[in-house]
C-alpha atoms as a PDB file:
ATOM      1  CA  MET A   1      -4.331  -0.079 -49.509  1.00  0.00           C
ATOM      2  CA  VAL A   2      -6.387   1.856 -47.115  1.00  0.00           C
ATOM      3  CA  GLY A   3      -8.408   0.299 -44.376  1.00  0.00           C
ATOM      4  CA  ASN A   4      -9.077  -3.051 -43.161  1.00  0.00           C
ATOM      5  CA  LYS A   5      -7.257  -6.242 -44.990  1.00  0.00           C
ATOM      6  CA  GLU A   6     -10.785  -8.372 -44.141  1.00  0.00           C
ATOM      7  CA  TYR A   7     -12.924  -5.971 -45.935  1.00  0.00           C
ATOM      8  CA  GLU A   8     -16.624  -6.877 -47.213  1.00  0.00           C
ATOM      9  CA  VAL A   9     -16.491  -3.903 -49.813  1.00  0.00           C
ATOM     10  CA  LEU A  10     -13.347  -3.030 -51.775  1.00  0.00           C
ATOM     11  CA  ILE A  11     -13.353   0.543 -53.712  1.00  0.00           C
ATOM     12  CA  VAL A  12     -10.752   0.551 -56.330  1.00  0.00           C
ATOM     13  CA  SER A  13      -9.667   3.987 -58.025  1.00  0.00           C
ATOM     14  CA  TRP A  14      -7.024   5.389 -59.896  1.00  0.00           C
ATOM     15  CA  GLY A  15      -5.893   8.664 -61.002  1.00  0.00           C
ATOM     16  CA  SER A  16      -6.813  11.723 -59.233  1.00  0.00           C
ATOM     17  CA  THR A  17      -9.308  10.277 -57.164  1.00  0.00           C
ATOM     18  CA  TYR A  18      -7.435   9.100 -54.123  1.00  0.00           C
ATOM     19  CA  TYR A  19      -8.044  12.085 -51.694  1.00  0.00           C
ATOM     20  CA  ILE A  20     -11.752  12.302 -52.574  1.00  0.00           C
ATOM     21  CA  VAL A  21     -12.367   8.768 -52.239  1.00  0.00           C
ATOM     22  CA  LYS A  22      -9.922   8.616 -49.102  1.00  0.00           C
ATOM     23  CA  GLU A  23     -11.839  11.804 -47.426  1.00  0.00           C
ATOM     24  CA  ALA A  24     -15.384  10.125 -48.005  1.00  0.00           C
ATOM     25  CA  LEU A  25     -14.217   6.785 -46.220  1.00  0.00           C
ATOM     26  CA  GLU A  26     -12.882   8.941 -43.242  1.00  0.00           C
ATOM     27  CA  ASN A  27     -16.486  10.315 -42.777  1.00  0.00           C
ATOM     28  CA  LEU A  28     -18.010   7.013 -43.274  1.00  0.00           C
ATOM     29  CA  LYS A  29     -16.135   5.397 -40.698  1.00  0.00           C
ATOM     30  CA  ASP A  30     -16.970   1.762 -41.566  1.00  0.00           C
ATOM     31  CA  ASN A  31     -14.244  -0.923 -41.097  1.00  0.00           C
ATOM     32  CA  ARG A  32     -15.974  -3.327 -43.655  1.00  0.00           C
ATOM     33  CA  VAL A  33     -15.131  -0.820 -46.365  1.00  0.00           C
ATOM     34  CA  SER A  34     -11.696  -0.842 -47.717  1.00  0.00           C
ATOM     35  CA  PHE A  35      -9.808   1.367 -50.474  1.00  0.00           C
ATOM     36  CA  LEU A  36      -7.092   0.508 -53.271  1.00  0.00           C
ATOM     37  CA  HIS A  37      -5.798   3.195 -55.271  1.00  0.00           C
ATOM     38  CA  PHE A  38      -3.492   2.948 -58.557  1.00  0.00           C
ATOM     39  CA  LYS A  39      -1.285   5.834 -59.395  1.00  0.00           C
ATOM     40  CA  GLN A  40      -1.581   4.200 -62.538  1.00  0.00           C
ATOM     41  CA  VAL A  41      -3.445   1.693 -64.553  1.00  0.00           C
ATOM     42  CA  TYR A  42      -1.197   0.306 -67.597  1.00  0.00           C
ATOM     43  CA  PRO A  43       0.967  -1.388 -66.724  1.00  0.00           C
ATOM     44  CA  LEU A  44      -0.394  -2.638 -63.460  1.00  0.00           C
ATOM     45  CA  PRO A  45       2.218  -3.029 -60.616  1.00  0.00           C
ATOM     46  CA  SER A  46       3.286  -6.491 -60.908  1.00  0.00           C
ATOM     47  CA  GLU A  47       2.733  -7.090 -57.160  1.00  0.00           C
ATOM     48  CA  THR A  48      -0.857  -6.576 -58.193  1.00  0.00           C
ATOM     49  CA  GLU A  49      -2.854 -10.159 -56.977  1.00  0.00           C
END
């Protein structure tokens, strides 16, 4: 996860969107927004809550 663990907004993405979303969050500079990225969505990693 990228960003603050005490988020108000969580952006979830997968696949090739990682760098695009990460760059957008860096430009946004809002610590209320965090980003969770999955390299694959099936099967989800067992540690996913």
